[in-house]
Protein backbone atom coordinates (compact mmCIF):
# COMPACT_ATOMS: atom_id res chain seq x y z
CA MET A 1 3.44 -9.49 11.31
CA ALA A 2 6.43 -7.22 11.47
CA ARG A 3 9.84 -8.74 11.29
CA GLN A 4 12.86 -7.49 13.12
CA GLY A 5 15.29 -5.89 10.73
CA SER A 6 18.63 -4.19 10.86
CA ARG A 7 19.76 -1.42 13.16
CA PRO A 8 17.41 1.64 13.35
CA GLU A 9 20.15 4.17 12.78
CA LYS A 10 20.97 2.92 9.31
CA THR A 11 19.47 4.88 6.46
CA PRO A 12 17.58 2.73 3.93
CA ARG A 13 19.15 2.61 0.51
CA PRO A 14 16.79 3.07 -2.41
CA THR A 15 16.58 0.35 -5.01
CA ARG A 16 17.71 1.52 -8.43
CA LEU A 17 15.74 0.39 -11.42
CA ARG A 18 18.01 -1.50 -13.74
CA CYS A 19 15.86 -1.49 -16.83
CA PRO A 20 13.89 0.42 -19.21
CA GLN A 21 -17.38 -4.56 0.39
CA GLY A 22 -22.52 -3.81 3.73
CA LYS A 23 -21.36 -1.05 5.88
CA ASN A 24 -21.83 -0.86 9.64
CA GLN A 25 -22.98 2.72 10.00
CA ALA A 26 -22.44 2.74 13.74
CA ALA A 27 -18.78 1.87 13.24
CA GLU A 28 -18.09 4.81 10.96
CA LYS A 29 -16.66 8.01 12.34
CA GLU A 30 -17.58 11.62 11.72
CA GLY A 31 -16.20 13.60 8.84
CA ARG A 32 -17.15 11.19 6.11
CA LEU A 33 -16.19 11.86 2.53
CA ASN A 34 -18.22 14.37 0.56
CA LYS A 35 -18.92 12.69 -2.76
CA ASP A 36 -18.78 16.05 -4.54
CA SER A 37 -15.13 16.39 -3.50
CA VAL A 38 -13.99 13.11 -5.00
CA GLN A 39 -11.66 13.49 -7.91
CA PRO A 40 -12.34 11.33 -10.98
CA PRO A 41 -10.05 8.30 -11.41
CA MET A 42 -6.84 9.07 -13.22
CA ASN A 43 -6.42 7.52 -16.62
CA PRO A 44 -2.90 6.24 -15.87
CA LYS A 45 -4.37 3.85 -13.31
CA VAL A 46 -6.74 2.50 -15.93
CA ASN A 47 -3.79 2.14 -18.26
CA PHE A 48 -2.04 0.14 -15.50
CA CYS A 49 -4.67 -2.63 -15.75
CA LEU A 50 -4.64 -2.53 -19.55
CA LEU A 51 -0.86 -2.80 -19.58
CA ILE A 52 -0.99 -5.88 -17.37
CA VAL A 53 -3.43 -7.57 -19.77
CA CYS A 54 -1.23 -6.72 -22.75
CA LEU A 55 1.92 -8.02 -21.10
CA LEU A 56 0.30 -11.26 -19.98
CA ALA A 57 -0.96 -11.83 -23.51
CA GLY A 58 2.51 -11.43 -25.01
CA CYS A 59 4.79 -14.22 -26.12
CA ALA A 60 8.10 -13.08 -24.62
CA SER A 61 9.41 -15.16 -21.72
CA GLU A 62 10.45 -12.03 -19.81
CA THR A 63 9.21 -8.46 -20.24
CA THR A 64 9.77 -5.26 -18.27
CA SER A 65 7.74 -2.20 -19.16
CA ASP A 66 9.03 1.33 -19.36
CA PHE A 67 8.29 3.80 -16.56
CA ASN A 68 4.57 4.69 -16.73
CA SER A 69 3.80 8.04 -15.12
CA VAL A 70 0.84 8.26 -12.72
CA GLU A 71 1.12 11.71 -11.15
CA GLY A 72 4.00 14.07 -10.55
CA ASN A 73 7.23 12.11 -10.31
CA PHE A 74 5.49 8.84 -9.43
CA GLY A 75 4.72 5.93 -11.71
CA TYR A 76 5.08 2.19 -12.06
CA VAL A 77 6.77 -0.54 -14.07
CA THR A 78 5.52 -4.07 -14.65
CA HIS A 79 7.60 -7.21 -15.03
CA ILE A 80 6.49 -10.48 -16.56
CA SER A 81 8.57 -13.64 -16.20
CA GLY A 82 8.06 -17.19 -17.37
CA PHE A 83 6.58 -18.59 -20.55
CA THR A 84 3.85 -21.11 -19.75
CA ASP A 85 3.56 -20.39 -16.01
CA ARG A 86 3.77 -16.63 -16.01
CA SER A 87 4.25 -14.43 -12.98
CA LEU A 88 3.49 -10.71 -12.85
CA SER A 89 4.90 -8.05 -10.56
CA ALA A 90 4.27 -4.32 -10.64
CA GLY A 91 6.57 -1.94 -8.82
CA PHE A 92 5.79 1.61 -7.70
CA CYS A 93 8.55 4.04 -8.62
CA TYR A 94 9.80 7.59 -8.25
CA ARG A 95 11.63 9.37 -11.05
CA ASP A 96 13.65 12.45 -10.07
CA THR A 97 14.41 15.54 -12.14
CA ASN A 98 17.56 13.89 -13.49
CA GLY A 99 15.57 10.98 -14.88
CA ILE A 100 16.85 8.50 -12.28
CA THR A 101 14.14 5.98 -11.38
CA THR A 102 13.97 4.53 -7.87
CA VAL A 103 11.76 1.59 -6.96
CA VAL A 104 9.70 2.77 -3.98
CA TRP A 105 8.01 -0.60 -3.44
CA PRO A 106 8.48 -3.71 -5.60
CA SER A 107 4.93 -5.10 -5.39
CA LEU A 108 1.69 -3.20 -5.93
CA LYS A 109 -1.45 -5.04 -4.78
CA ILE A 110 -4.25 -4.95 -7.33
CA VAL A 111 -7.56 -3.73 -5.86
CA GLN A 112 -10.89 -2.81 -7.42
CA GLY A 113 -10.18 0.88 -7.82
CA ASN A 114 -7.13 2.93 -6.90
CA ASN A 115 -4.17 1.29 -5.21
CA MET A 116 -2.18 4.52 -5.05
CA VAL A 117 -2.77 8.20 -4.25
CA VAL A 118 -0.30 11.06 -4.67
CA ASN A 119 -0.17 14.48 -3.03
CA ASN A 120 2.71 16.62 -4.26
CA ASP A 121 5.82 14.57 -3.44
CA THR A 122 4.08 12.16 -1.03
CA ALA A 123 2.50 8.90 -2.13
CA VAL A 124 0.44 6.32 -0.24
CA LEU A 125 -0.01 2.96 -1.92
CA ILE A 126 -1.25 -0.55 -1.20
CA GLY A 127 1.84 -2.70 -1.41
CA GLY A 128 2.44 -6.41 -0.95
CA LYS A 129 4.64 -7.52 1.93
CA ALA A 130 5.58 -11.10 2.73
CA ALA A 131 3.84 -12.41 5.85
CA VAL A 132 2.99 -15.74 7.46
CA TYR A 133 -0.77 -16.31 7.59
CA PRO A 134 -2.59 -18.07 10.46
CA ASP A 135 -2.68 -21.30 8.46
CA GLY A 136 1.10 -21.28 8.21
CA SER A 137 1.32 -20.29 4.56
CA GLU A 138 3.40 -17.35 3.42
CA SER A 139 2.20 -14.82 0.88
CA LEU A 140 2.15 -11.11 0.09
CA THR A 141 -0.34 -9.33 2.33
CA ALA A 142 -1.67 -5.83 1.61
CA ARG A 143 -0.10 -3.00 3.60
CA LEU A 144 -0.21 0.79 3.43
CA ILE A 145 3.17 2.02 2.24
CA ALA A 146 4.11 5.71 2.27
CA PHE A 147 6.97 7.48 0.54
CA LYS A 148 8.06 11.11 0.34
CA GLY A 149 10.28 12.03 -2.58
CA PRO A 150 12.93 12.27 -3.58
CA THR A 151 14.80 10.11 -1.07
CA GLY A 152 12.09 8.50 1.09
CA PRO A 153 12.56 6.05 2.70
CA ALA A 154 9.55 3.80 2.16
CA MET A 155 7.51 3.26 5.35
CA ASP A 156 4.88 0.77 6.45
CA ILE A 157 2.30 3.04 8.13
CA THR A 158 -0.58 0.53 8.25
CA ASP A 159 -0.78 0.08 12.02
CA GLN A 160 -0.58 3.78 12.83
CA VAL A 161 -3.26 4.66 10.25
CA LEU A 162 -5.64 1.90 11.37
CA MET A 163 -5.33 3.00 15.00
CA LYS A 164 -6.67 6.40 13.94
CA TYR A 165 -9.93 4.52 13.36
CA TYR A 166 -9.82 2.01 16.19
CA ALA A 167 -8.96 4.51 18.94
CA GLY A 168 -11.91 4.81 21.31
CA THR A 169 -13.91 1.99 19.69
CA GLY A 170 -12.86 -0.79 22.01
CA MET A 171 -11.17 -2.52 19.09
CA GLY A 172 -7.58 -2.74 17.96
CA LEU A 173 -5.26 -4.12 15.32
CA THR A 174 -6.30 -7.70 16.10
CA ASN A 175 -9.74 -6.80 14.72
CA PHE A 176 -8.31 -5.81 11.35
CA MET A 177 -8.99 -8.39 8.66
CA TRP A 178 -5.96 -9.00 6.50
CA ASP A 179 -6.11 -8.18 2.81
CA THR A 180 -9.29 -6.11 3.04
CA LEU A 181 -7.76 -2.74 2.19
CA GLY A 182 -9.90 -1.28 -0.60
CA SER A 183 -9.72 1.46 -3.19
CA LEU A 184 -7.99 4.60 -1.93
CA THR A 185 -9.99 7.78 -2.61
CA LYS A 186 -8.22 11.12 -2.67
CA THR A 187 -9.85 14.45 -1.87
CA ASN A 188 -8.22 17.87 -1.76
CA ASN A 189 -7.09 17.45 1.84
CA SER A 190 -7.49 13.80 2.78
CA ILE A 191 -7.66 10.13 1.82
CA GLN A 192 -10.56 7.76 2.41
CA ILE A 193 -9.44 4.22 3.21
CA PRO A 194 -11.94 1.33 3.35
CA PHE A 195 -11.05 -1.91 5.12
CA GLY A 196 -12.67 -4.85 6.90
CA SER A 197 -12.90 -5.48 10.63
CA SER A 198 -14.38 -8.20 12.80
CA LYS A 199 -15.15 -8.46 16.48
CA GLY A 200 -14.75 -12.19 16.20
CA MET A 201 -16.52 -14.93 18.08
CA PRO A 202 -15.09 -16.21 21.40
CA GLY A 203 -13.17 -19.41 20.82
CA SER A 204 -13.60 -19.21 17.06
CA LYS A 205 -11.00 -18.59 14.37
CA ASP A 206 -13.71 -17.70 11.84
CA PHE A 207 -13.92 -13.92 11.63
CA TRP A 208 -16.32 -13.67 8.70
CA PRO A 209 -19.67 -14.06 10.58
CA THR A 210 -19.02 -10.75 12.39
CA ALA A 211 -17.17 -8.94 9.60
CA PHE A 212 -18.11 -5.37 8.72
CA GLU A 213 -16.75 -2.64 6.51
CA CYS A 214 -14.99 0.39 7.95
CA HIS A 215 -14.19 3.74 6.35
CA LEU A 216 -11.44 5.99 7.64
CA THR A 217 -10.92 9.54 6.42
CA ILE A 218 -7.43 10.76 7.25
CA SER A 219 -5.95 14.12 6.29
CA TRP A 220 -2.68 14.56 4.48
CA ASN A 221 -1.43 16.50 7.53
CA GLU A 222 -2.13 13.41 9.66
CA ILE A 223 -0.35 11.23 7.11
CA ASP A 224 2.65 13.56 7.27
CA ALA A 225 2.65 13.42 11.09
CA VAL A 226 2.55 9.61 11.02
CA MET A 227 5.44 9.54 8.57
CA GLN A 228 7.50 11.88 10.74
CA ASP A 229 6.88 9.63 13.75
CA VAL A 230 7.85 6.48 11.85
CA LYS A 231 10.93 8.17 10.44
CA GLN A 232 12.10 9.18 13.93
CA ASN A 233 11.04 6.11 15.90
CA GLY A 234 10.71 3.31 13.37
CA LYS A 235 13.09 0.43 12.84
CA LEU A 236 14.82 -0.46 9.62
CA LYS A 237 13.52 -3.70 8.16
CA LYS A 238 13.78 -5.65 4.92
CA GLU A 239 10.84 -7.03 2.98
CA LYS A 240 11.49 -10.78 3.02
CA TRP A 241 10.91 -11.65 -0.64
CA SER A 242 12.48 -8.64 -2.33
CA GLY A 243 15.01 -7.38 0.21
CA THR A 244 13.58 -3.86 -0.09
CA GLU A 245 14.48 -1.73 2.93
CA TYR A 246 11.76 0.22 4.75
CA LEU A 247 10.92 1.71 8.12
CA GLN A 248 8.20 0.46 10.44
CA LYS A 249 7.28 1.39 13.99
CA ASP A 250 6.58 -1.53 16.32
């Protein structure tokens, strides 16, 4: 899925904002989430969905929302273009103490629940990244994007995070089912990430008959370690549709 980008030694330049599913219990690992530790959903995320509805219902041919704060210095903006055939994009942003807003990732994927979690100056979100699907079509697939403020850079940490689950199971990244990343749940010290996997059927391209849900609990310390590794050993790439620069480790 990853595309070769520019030279690894180049530092990514932030984009400036121009305007105002049943479970397979045997597959789950130890240390599952304690429901009592789950924080209630943040209202700003609910407002995110309401804002999308309001913008889509408007009459203007092009609309960009103001910065909508989620937590800390992080928030989002939405952009509507077109009149009859409307398109919607929502970008995840970071606003520093001087009020300068930087687009962390241009496309947030909408999931049933939370598509972003924030811990101090670190955010993990489900972002859309252009990819070619097995049928030859190209679309935005869901990836785990991490960013540490104020300067980042944005990083695709999907593969490293998923391997925290797959290690020792006899499975690997080829078992991951695209676009199955679910609602991110934040606890005091970790994130729970649900996603779909399949062991597949020999000679078959149909993964669904053997699909099952997986749940990974990963600590913020582990997230930080993954980000440090990607920052040191990742390669600079550009998201194909937006040109946004990010780091990813092959």
